């Protein structure tokens, strides 16, 4: 599981749009995430 700080960092609105990335809503995994389901 991801650190809480990294989950919060990903959830915050970035200064530049290219800095945004998706994370799994359940475990916080940063890659291999289905946007449609958030998993």
Protein backbone atom coordinates (compact mmCIF):
# COMPACT_ATOMS: atom_id res chain seq x y z
CA UNK A 1 0.00 0.00 0.00
CA UNK A 2 1.06 3.55 -0.71
CA UNK A 3 2.00 6.05 1.96
CA UNK A 4 -0.79 8.38 3.01
CA UNK A 5 1.33 11.39 2.03
CA UNK A 6 1.63 10.13 -1.57
CA UNK A 7 -2.13 9.48 -1.78
CA UNK A 8 -2.82 13.04 -0.58
CA UNK A 9 -0.21 14.45 -2.96
CA UNK A 10 -1.87 12.72 -5.93
CA UNK A 11 -5.32 13.92 -4.85
CA UNK A 12 -4.26 17.57 -4.61
CA UNK A 13 -4.67 19.85 -7.62
CA UNK A 14 -1.24 20.25 -9.23
CA UNK A 15 0.29 23.55 -10.29
CA UNK A 16 0.62 22.16 -13.83
CA UNK A 17 -1.83 19.66 -15.40
CA UNK A 18 0.95 17.31 -16.57
CA UNK A 19 1.90 16.65 -12.94
CA UNK A 20 -1.45 14.94 -12.28
CA UNK A 21 -1.60 11.13 -12.24
CA UNK A 22 -4.12 8.49 -11.28
CA UNK A 23 -3.84 6.17 -8.29
CA UNK A 24 -5.92 3.18 -7.24
CA UNK A 25 -8.71 4.33 -4.90
CA UNK A 26 -8.35 1.17 -2.79
CA UNK A 27 -4.61 0.61 -2.35
CA UNK A 28 -3.00 3.74 -3.83
CA UNK A 29 -1.07 1.90 -6.56
CA UNK A 30 0.25 4.50 -9.08
CA UNK A 31 0.36 2.34 -12.24
CA UNK A 32 -1.92 -0.25 -13.88
CA UNK A 33 -5.03 1.67 -12.83
CA UNK A 34 -8.39 1.48 -14.62
CA UNK A 35 -9.68 5.05 -14.71
CA UNK A 36 -13.23 3.85 -15.37
CA UNK A 37 -13.34 1.93 -12.08
CA UNK A 38 -10.66 3.77 -10.09
CA UNK A 39 -8.93 0.44 -9.41
